[in-house]
C-alpha atoms as a PDB file:
ATOM      1  CA  MET A   1      -3.643   9.428  17.227  1.00  0.00           C
ATOM      2  CA  THR A   2      -3.042  10.280  20.804  1.00  0.00           C
ATOM      3  CA  GLY A   3      -0.328  12.851  21.603  1.00  0.00           C
ATOM      4  CA  LEU A   4      -0.667  13.942  17.768  1.00  0.00           C
ATOM      5  CA  PRO A   5      -0.927  18.025  17.341  1.00  0.00           C
ATOM      6  CA  LEU A   6      -4.725  19.023  16.622  1.00  0.00           C
ATOM      7  CA  ARG A   7      -3.821  20.052  13.148  1.00  0.00           C
ATOM      8  CA  LEU A   8      -2.218  16.453  12.454  1.00  0.00           C
ATOM      9  CA  ALA A   9      -5.321  15.045  14.001  1.00  0.00           C
ATOM     10  CA  VAL A  10      -7.681  17.086  11.699  1.00  0.00           C
ATOM     11  CA  LEU A  11      -5.597  16.000   8.764  1.00  0.00           C
ATOM     12  CA  LEU A  12      -5.895  12.234   9.632  1.00  0.00           C
ATOM     13  CA  LEU A  13      -9.468  12.474   9.853  1.00  0.00           C
ATOM     14  CA  ALA A  14      -9.695  14.458   6.635  1.00  0.00           C
ATOM     15  CA  VAL A  15      -7.387  11.943   4.812  1.00  0.00           C
ATOM     16  CA  THR A  16      -9.384   8.910   6.066  1.00  0.00           C
ATOM     17  CA  LEU A  17     -12.817  10.253   5.040  1.00  0.00           C
ATOM     18  CA  GLY A  18     -11.070  11.429   1.487  1.00  0.00           C
ATOM     19  CA  ALA A  19      -9.781   8.037   1.121  1.00  0.00           C
ATOM     20  CA  GLY A  20     -13.249   6.381   0.969  1.00  0.00           C
ATOM     21  CA  CYS A  21     -14.399   8.962  -1.722  1.00  0.00           C
ATOM     22  CA  VAL A  22     -11.931   7.376  -4.309  1.00  0.00           C
ATOM     23  CA  ASP A  23     -13.550   4.083  -3.888  1.00  0.00           C
ATOM     24  CA  ASP A  24     -17.037   5.690  -4.497  1.00  0.00           C
ATOM     25  CA  TYR A  25     -16.592   6.484  -8.167  1.00  0.00           C
ATOM     26  CA  TYR A  26     -14.417   3.432  -8.800  1.00  0.00           C
ATOM     27  CA  ARG A  27     -16.128   0.816 -10.776  1.00  0.00           C
ATOM     28  CA  PRO A  28     -14.098  -2.405 -11.710  1.00  0.00           C
ATOM     29  CA  ALA A  29     -13.323  -3.528 -15.154  1.00  0.00           C
ATOM     30  CA  PRO A  30     -14.981  -6.954 -16.366  1.00  0.00           C
ATOM     31  CA  GLU A  31     -13.109 -10.164 -15.876  1.00  0.00           C
ATOM     32  CA  ARG A  32     -11.017 -11.571 -18.368  1.00  0.00           C
ATOM     33  CA  ALA A  33     -13.121 -14.579 -20.097  1.00  0.00           C
ATOM     34  CA  GLU A  34      -9.816 -16.036 -21.295  1.00  0.00           C
ATOM     35  CA  MET A  35      -8.365 -16.654 -17.749  1.00  0.00           C
ATOM     36  CA  PRO A  36      -6.803 -20.106 -17.483  1.00  0.00           C
ATOM     37  CA  PRO A  37      -7.927 -22.941 -14.832  1.00  0.00           C
ATOM     38  CA  ASN A  38      -4.546 -22.595 -12.974  1.00  0.00           C
ATOM     39  CA  ALA A  39      -4.450 -18.822 -12.897  1.00  0.00           C
ATOM     40  CA  LEU A  40      -3.300 -16.972  -9.703  1.00  0.00           C
ATOM     41  CA  ARG A  41      -6.546 -14.616  -9.529  1.00  0.00           C
ATOM     42  CA  VAL A  42      -4.874 -11.494  -7.769  1.00  0.00           C
ATOM     43  CA  GLY A  43      -7.674  -8.956  -6.411  1.00  0.00           C
ATOM     44  CA  ILE A  44      -6.292  -5.496  -6.817  1.00  0.00           C
ATOM     45  CA  THR A  45      -8.150  -2.174  -6.272  1.00  0.00           C
ATOM     46  CA  PRO A  46      -5.985   0.092  -8.815  1.00  0.00           C
ATOM     47  CA  THR A  47      -6.327   3.483  -7.161  1.00  0.00           C
ATOM     48  CA  TYR A  48      -3.314   3.570  -4.947  1.00  0.00           C
ATOM     49  CA  PRO A  49       0.006   4.568  -6.968  1.00  0.00           C
ATOM     50  CA  PRO A  50       2.428   4.004  -6.532  1.00  0.00           C
ATOM     51  CA  MET A  51       1.751   0.370  -5.047  1.00  0.00           C
ATOM     52  CA  ILE A  52      -1.238  -0.707  -7.471  1.00  0.00           C
ATOM     53  CA  PHE A  53      -2.578   1.718 -10.279  1.00  0.00           C
ATOM     54  CA  LYS A  54      -3.378   1.949 -14.157  1.00  0.00           C
ATOM     55  CA  GLN A  55      -1.254   3.367 -16.833  1.00  0.00           C
ATOM     56  CA  GLY A  56      -3.580   3.545 -19.488  1.00  0.00           C
ATOM     57  CA  ALA A  57      -4.871   0.175 -19.522  1.00  0.00           C
ATOM     58  CA  GLN A  58      -1.609  -1.324 -18.061  1.00  0.00           C
ATOM     59  CA  ILE A  59      -1.989  -2.388 -14.361  1.00  0.00           C
ATOM     60  CA  THR A  60       1.349  -1.302 -12.896  1.00  0.00           C
ATOM     61  CA  GLY A  61       3.183  -0.287  -9.719  1.00  0.00           C
ATOM     62  CA  ALA A  62       5.035  -2.406  -6.941  1.00  0.00           C
ATOM     63  CA  GLU A  63       2.248  -4.655  -6.252  1.00  0.00           C
ATOM     64  CA  ALA A  64       1.697  -5.594  -9.906  1.00  0.00           C
ATOM     65  CA  ASP A  65       5.737  -6.149 -10.446  1.00  0.00           C
ATOM     66  CA  LEU A  66       5.385  -8.554  -7.278  1.00  0.00           C
ATOM     67  CA  ALA A  67       2.248 -10.157  -8.452  1.00  0.00           C
ATOM     68  CA  ARG A  68       3.859 -11.085 -11.807  1.00  0.00           C
ATOM     69  CA  LEU A  69       6.977 -12.468 -10.119  1.00  0.00           C
ATOM     70  CA  LEU A  70       4.851 -14.431  -7.945  1.00  0.00           C
ATOM     71  CA  GLY A  71       2.955 -16.046 -10.492  1.00  0.00           C
ATOM     72  CA  ALA A  72       5.818 -16.953 -12.409  1.00  0.00           C
ATOM     73  CA  LYS A  73       7.309 -18.407  -9.199  1.00  0.00           C
ATOM     74  CA  LEU A  74       4.094 -20.458  -8.399  1.00  0.00           C
ATOM     75  CA  GLY A  75       3.782 -21.513 -12.250  1.00  0.00           C
ATOM     76  CA  ARG A  76       0.646 -19.817 -12.433  1.00  0.00           C
ATOM     77  CA  PRO A  77       0.050 -16.992 -14.517  1.00  0.00           C
ATOM     78  CA  ALA A  78      -1.048 -13.954 -12.502  1.00  0.00           C
ATOM     79  CA  TYR A  79      -4.500 -12.280 -13.572  1.00  0.00           C
ATOM     80  CA  PHE A  80      -5.461  -9.238 -11.974  1.00  0.00           C
ATOM     81  CA  VAL A  81      -9.187  -9.066 -10.761  1.00  0.00           C
ATOM     82  CA  GLU A  82     -10.486  -5.492 -10.119  1.00  0.00           C
ATOM     83  CA  VAL A  83     -12.539  -5.302  -6.898  1.00  0.00           C
ATOM     84  CA  PRO A  84     -13.809  -2.156  -4.968  1.00  0.00           C
ATOM     85  CA  TRP A  85     -11.609  -1.780  -1.907  1.00  0.00           C
ATOM     86  CA  ASP A  86     -14.249  -2.118   0.424  1.00  0.00           C
ATOM     87  CA  GLN A  87     -15.204  -5.661  -1.297  1.00  0.00           C
ATOM     88  CA  GLN A  88     -11.628  -7.047  -1.405  1.00  0.00           C
ATOM     89  CA  ILE A  89     -12.066  -9.559   1.467  1.00  0.00           C
ATOM     90  CA  ASP A  90     -15.663 -10.524   0.768  1.00  0.00           C
ATOM     91  CA  ALA A  91     -14.437 -11.383  -2.903  1.00  0.00           C
ATOM     92  CA  LEU A  92     -11.307 -13.382  -1.502  1.00  0.00           C
ATOM     93  CA  ILE A  93     -13.903 -15.473   1.046  1.00  0.00           C
ATOM     94  CA  ALA A  94     -16.302 -15.945  -1.903  1.00  0.00           C
ATOM     95  CA  GLY A  95     -13.751 -17.594  -4.321  1.00  0.00           C
ATOM     96  CA  LYS A  96     -13.546 -14.872  -6.677  1.00  0.00           C
ATOM     97  CA  THR A  97      -9.989 -14.296  -6.040  1.00  0.00           C
ATOM     98  CA  ASP A  98      -6.941 -16.182  -4.623  1.00  0.00           C
ATOM     99  CA  ILE A  99      -5.133 -13.578  -3.124  1.00  0.00           C
ATOM    100  CA  ILE A 100      -5.031  -9.666  -2.096  1.00  0.00           C
ATOM    101  CA  MET A 101      -2.393  -7.873  -3.400  1.00  0.00           C
ATOM    102  CA  SER A 102      -3.498  -4.158  -3.031  1.00  0.00           C
ATOM    103  CA  GLY A 103      -1.324  -2.384  -0.476  1.00  0.00           C
ATOM    104  CA  MET A 104      -3.354  -3.901   2.397  1.00  0.00           C
ATOM    105  CA  SER A 105      -2.184  -3.459   6.214  1.00  0.00           C
ATOM    106  CA  VAL A 106      -2.448  -5.806   8.888  1.00  0.00           C
ATOM    107  CA  THR A 107      -4.923  -5.279  11.330  1.00  0.00           C
ATOM    108  CA  GLU A 108      -6.350  -7.516  13.892  1.00  0.00           C
ATOM    109  CA  ALA A 109     -10.061  -7.159  12.525  1.00  0.00           C
ATOM    110  CA  ARG A 110      -8.947  -8.604   9.260  1.00  0.00           C
ATOM    111  CA  GLU A 111      -6.896 -11.267  10.664  1.00  0.00           C
ATOM    112  CA  VAL A 112     -10.366 -12.429  12.037  1.00  0.00           C
ATOM    113  CA  ARG A 113     -11.378 -13.157   8.631  1.00  0.00           C
ATOM    114  CA  VAL A 114      -8.268 -13.595   6.256  1.00  0.00           C
ATOM    115  CA  ALA A 115      -4.735 -15.303   6.697  1.00  0.00           C
ATOM    116  CA  PHE A 116      -2.045 -13.033   6.076  1.00  0.00           C
ATOM    117  CA  ALA A 117       1.600 -13.814   4.582  1.00  0.00           C
ATOM    118  CA  GLN A 118       4.450 -12.548   6.271  1.00  0.00           C
ATOM    119  CA  PRO A 119       4.696  -8.715   5.992  1.00  0.00           C
ATOM    120  CA  TYR A 120       6.654  -7.379   2.450  1.00  0.00           C
ATOM    121  CA  LEU A 121       6.785  -4.122   3.546  1.00  0.00           C
ATOM    122  CA  GLU A 122       6.669  -2.045   6.961  1.00  0.00           C
ATOM    123  CA  GLY A 123       5.621   1.049   6.761  1.00  0.00           C
ATOM    124  CA  GLY A 124       3.671   3.995   8.286  1.00  0.00           C
ATOM    125  CA  LEU A 125       2.215   7.352   8.104  1.00  0.00           C
ATOM    126  CA  MET A 126       4.523   9.976   6.922  1.00  0.00           C
ATOM    127  CA  ALA A 127       4.354  13.811   5.910  1.00  0.00           C
ATOM    128  CA  ALA A 128       4.581  16.303   3.019  1.00  0.00           C
ATOM    129  CA  VAL A 129       5.268  20.067   3.768  1.00  0.00           C
ATOM    130  CA  ARG A 130       6.211  22.840   1.534  1.00  0.00           C
ATOM    131  CA  VAL A 131       9.758  22.884   0.583  1.00  0.00           C
ATOM    132  CA  GLU A 132      10.187  26.333   2.476  1.00  0.00           C
ATOM    133  CA  ASP A 133       8.698  24.707   5.743  1.00  0.00           C
ATOM    134  CA  ARG A 134      11.290  21.816   5.594  1.00  0.00           C
ATOM    135  CA  SER A 135      13.776  23.035   8.151  1.00  0.00           C
ATOM    136  CA  ARG A 136      10.587  23.796  10.497  1.00  0.00           C
ATOM    137  CA  TYR A 137       9.365  20.193  10.051  1.00  0.00           C
ATOM    138  CA  GLY A 138      12.493  18.275   9.017  1.00  0.00           C
ATOM    139  CA  SER A 139      12.275  15.305  11.441  1.00  0.00           C
ATOM    140  CA  ARG A 140       9.442  13.070  13.035  1.00  0.00           C
ATOM    141  CA  ASP A 141      10.263  14.623  16.444  1.00  0.00           C
ATOM    142  CA  ALA A 142      10.089  18.117  15.004  1.00  0.00           C
ATOM    143  CA  LEU A 143       6.749  17.170  13.282  1.00  0.00           C
ATOM    144  CA  LEU A 144       4.788  15.694  16.452  1.00  0.00           C
ATOM    145  CA  GLN A 145       6.167  18.452  18.937  1.00  0.00           C
ATOM    146  CA  SER A 146       4.696  21.022  16.410  1.00  0.00           C
ATOM    147  CA  THR A 147       2.031  23.412  18.366  1.00  0.00           C
ATOM    148  CA  ALA A 148       0.879  25.268  15.029  1.00  0.00           C
ATOM    149  CA  THR A 149      -2.556  26.523  15.420  1.00  0.00           C
ATOM    150  CA  VAL A 150      -5.431  25.206  13.320  1.00  0.00           C
ATOM    151  CA  GLY A 151      -5.854  26.961  10.090  1.00  0.00           C
ATOM    152  CA  ALA A 152      -4.447  26.623   6.814  1.00  0.00           C
ATOM    153  CA  ILE A 153      -2.980  23.402   5.837  1.00  0.00           C
ATOM    154  CA  ASP A 154       0.913  23.133   6.872  1.00  0.00           C
ATOM    155  CA  VAL A 155       1.340  19.389   6.871  1.00  0.00           C
ATOM    156  CA  PHE A 156      -0.322  16.312   4.967  1.00  0.00           C
ATOM    157  CA  VAL A 157      -0.192  13.411   6.626  1.00  0.00           C
ATOM    158  CA  HIS A 158      -0.851   9.933   4.585  1.00  0.00           C
ATOM    159  CA  ASP A 159       0.817   6.634   4.250  1.00  0.00           C
ATOM    160  CA  GLY A 160       4.500   6.570   3.304  1.00  0.00           C
ATOM    161  CA  PRO A 161       3.687   5.338  -0.652  1.00  0.00           C
ATOM    162  CA  SER A 162       0.876   8.110  -1.280  1.00  0.00           C
ATOM    163  CA  ILE A 163       3.242  10.700   0.273  1.00  0.00           C
ATOM    164  CA  ALA A 164       6.062   9.729  -2.069  1.00  0.00           C
ATOM    165  CA  TRP A 165       3.794   9.853  -5.183  1.00  0.00           C
ATOM    166  CA  LEU A 166       2.603  13.221  -3.809  1.00  0.00           C
ATOM    167  CA  VAL A 167       5.977  14.662  -3.297  1.00  0.00           C
ATOM    168  CA  SER A 168       7.354  13.192  -6.743  1.00  0.00           C
ATOM    169  CA  ALA A 169       4.714  14.949  -8.852  1.00  0.00           C
ATOM    170  CA  ASN A 170       5.316  18.130  -6.726  1.00  0.00           C
ATOM    171  CA  GLU A 171       8.852  18.218  -6.157  1.00  0.00           C
ATOM    172  CA  ALA A 172       9.364  21.798  -6.585  1.00  0.00           C
ATOM    173  CA  ASP A 173       7.018  22.869  -4.049  1.00  0.00           C
ATOM    174  CA  LEU A 174       7.231  19.750  -1.421  1.00  0.00           C
ATOM    175  CA  ALA A 175       9.238  17.795   0.579  1.00  0.00           C
ATOM    176  CA  GLY A 176       8.671  14.414   2.113  1.00  0.00           C
ATOM    177  CA  ILE A 177       9.627  13.673   5.836  1.00  0.00           C
ATOM    178  CA  TRP A 178      10.964  10.138   5.469  1.00  0.00           C
ATOM    179  CA  GLN A 179      10.395   9.229   8.930  1.00  0.00           C
ATOM    180  CA  PRO A 180       7.269   7.249   9.877  1.00  0.00           C
ATOM    181  CA  LEU A 181       4.880   8.576  12.213  1.00  0.00           C
ATOM    182  CA  ASN A 182       3.891   5.241  13.302  1.00  0.00           C
ATOM    183  CA  ARG A 183       4.158   1.453  11.994  1.00  0.00           C
ATOM    184  CA  GLU A 184       2.080  -0.978   9.829  1.00  0.00           C
ATOM    185  CA  ASN A 185       2.825  -3.969   8.217  1.00  0.00           C
ATOM    186  CA  LEU A 186       1.586  -4.456   4.553  1.00  0.00           C
ATOM    187  CA  ALA A 187       1.017  -8.108   3.611  1.00  0.00           C
ATOM    188  CA  TRP A 188      -1.080 -10.202   1.216  1.00  0.00           C
ATOM    189  CA  ALA A 189      -4.293 -11.751   2.357  1.00  0.00           C
ATOM    190  CA  MET A 190      -5.439 -15.134   1.281  1.00  0.00           C
ATOM    191  CA  ARG A 191      -8.520 -17.285   2.570  1.00  0.00           C
ATOM    192  CA  ARG A 192      -7.854 -19.067   5.841  1.00  0.00           C
ATOM    193  CA  ASP A 193      -8.423 -22.493   4.328  1.00  0.00           C
ATOM    194  CA  ASP A 194      -5.722 -22.079   1.890  1.00  0.00           C
ATOM    195  CA  ALA A 195      -2.771 -23.507   3.881  1.00  0.00           C
ATOM    196  CA  GLN A 196      -0.801 -24.619   0.830  1.00  0.00           C
ATOM    197  CA  LEU A 197      -0.914 -21.054  -1.032  1.00  0.00           C
ATOM    198  CA  LEU A 198       0.108 -19.418   2.584  1.00  0.00           C
ATOM    199  CA  ALA A 199       2.946 -21.743   2.816  1.00  0.00           C
ATOM    200  CA  GLN A 200       4.124 -21.498  -0.685  1.00  0.00           C
ATOM    201  CA  ILE A 201       4.183 -17.485  -0.459  1.00  0.00           C
ATOM    202  CA  ASN A 202       5.967 -17.472   2.880  1.00  0.00           C
ATOM    203  CA  ASP A 203       8.709 -19.776   1.240  1.00  0.00           C
ATOM    204  CA  ILE A 204       9.218 -17.282  -1.747  1.00  0.00           C
ATOM    205  CA  LEU A 205       9.060 -14.140   0.157  1.00  0.00           C
ATOM    206  CA  GLY A 206      11.501 -15.566   2.562  1.00  0.00           C
ATOM    207  CA  GLY A 207      13.738 -16.256  -0.473  1.00  0.00           C
ATOM    208  CA  TRP A 208      13.322 -12.804  -2.092  1.00  0.00           C
ATOM    209  CA  LYS A 209      14.211 -11.109   1.476  1.00  0.00           C
ATOM    210  CA  ARG A 210      17.437 -13.094   1.392  1.00  0.00           C
ATOM    211  CA  ASP A 211      18.484 -12.648  -2.335  1.00  0.00           C
ATOM    212  CA  GLY A 212      17.387  -8.946  -2.458  1.00  0.00           C
ATOM    213  CA  THR A 213      14.587  -9.425  -4.924  1.00  0.00           C
ATOM    214  CA  LEU A 214      11.909  -8.092  -2.713  1.00  0.00           C
ATOM    215  CA  SER A 215      13.866  -5.023  -2.020  1.00  0.00           C
ATOM    216  CA  GLY A 216      14.891  -4.673  -5.514  1.00  0.00           C
ATOM    217  CA  VAL A 217      11.161  -4.013  -6.670  1.00  0.00           C
ATOM    218  CA  LEU A 218      10.232  -1.963  -3.647  1.00  0.00           C
ATOM    219  CA  VAL A 219      13.223   0.512  -3.813  1.00  0.00           C
ATOM    220  CA  ARG A 220      12.287   0.814  -7.751  1.00  0.00           C
ATOM    221  CA  TRP A 221       9.031   2.440  -6.574  1.00  0.00           C
ATOM    222  CA  LEU A 222       9.843   4.002  -3.111  1.00  0.00           C
ATOM    223  CA  PRO A 223      13.093   5.323  -3.551  1.00  0.00           C
ATOM    224  CA  TYR A 224      12.760   6.680   0.351  1.00  0.00           C
ATOM    225  CA  LEU A 225      13.260   3.007   1.343  1.00  0.00           C
ATOM    226  CA  LYS A 226      17.028   3.245   0.501  1.00  0.00           C
ATOM    227  CA  ARG A 227      17.079   6.053   3.599  1.00  0.00           C
ATOM    228  CA  GLN A 228      15.731   3.376   6.175  1.00  0.00           C
ATOM    229  CA  SER A 229      17.819   0.590   5.191  1.00  0.00           C
END
């Protein structure tokens, strides 16, 4: 967070602490007993719209669409295994899931324990502001150069998909600043000893990037990506 205005730094801390509170109250649903032996067991924490979440009892979102497409491509039906976020990597290593598809970003610390496929989305932190403040914070540079004093919240900073969801639900009042404040890659995680699955998924991802399948799914859920293409 070096170089960010104090107010943004405070907001980032608040967002980080708040994100953990969601999982404190999240309890996973029981695993499906009828799961076939060749199932692709997809570890998810469905509390992250629009990437992975529930509408009623239905798992939906960009990750859900991609998981179903991936299962079909592999000839392995995709079954969602709900896992609290802070247990995702442990569940994967323990063999309870085959892959994590839940909006996970690539970090050096995580790479010590798991293998990541090629990134499917380059994202980062974005901001939402009040509609009347759009001209004041209309660009990434204007946002980062703001010297507003700490007080009432003027800017809400979170990852891009969460900002898109927030703005879509409050379009009359909020505007998104669709320029990332930083860069991070989202990718799917597998066990380090599952080299075959890793190679298969990288091959499928490469094909989806070339034929537009990947961008088609992502833009459906994250229309702001069209601005960045």
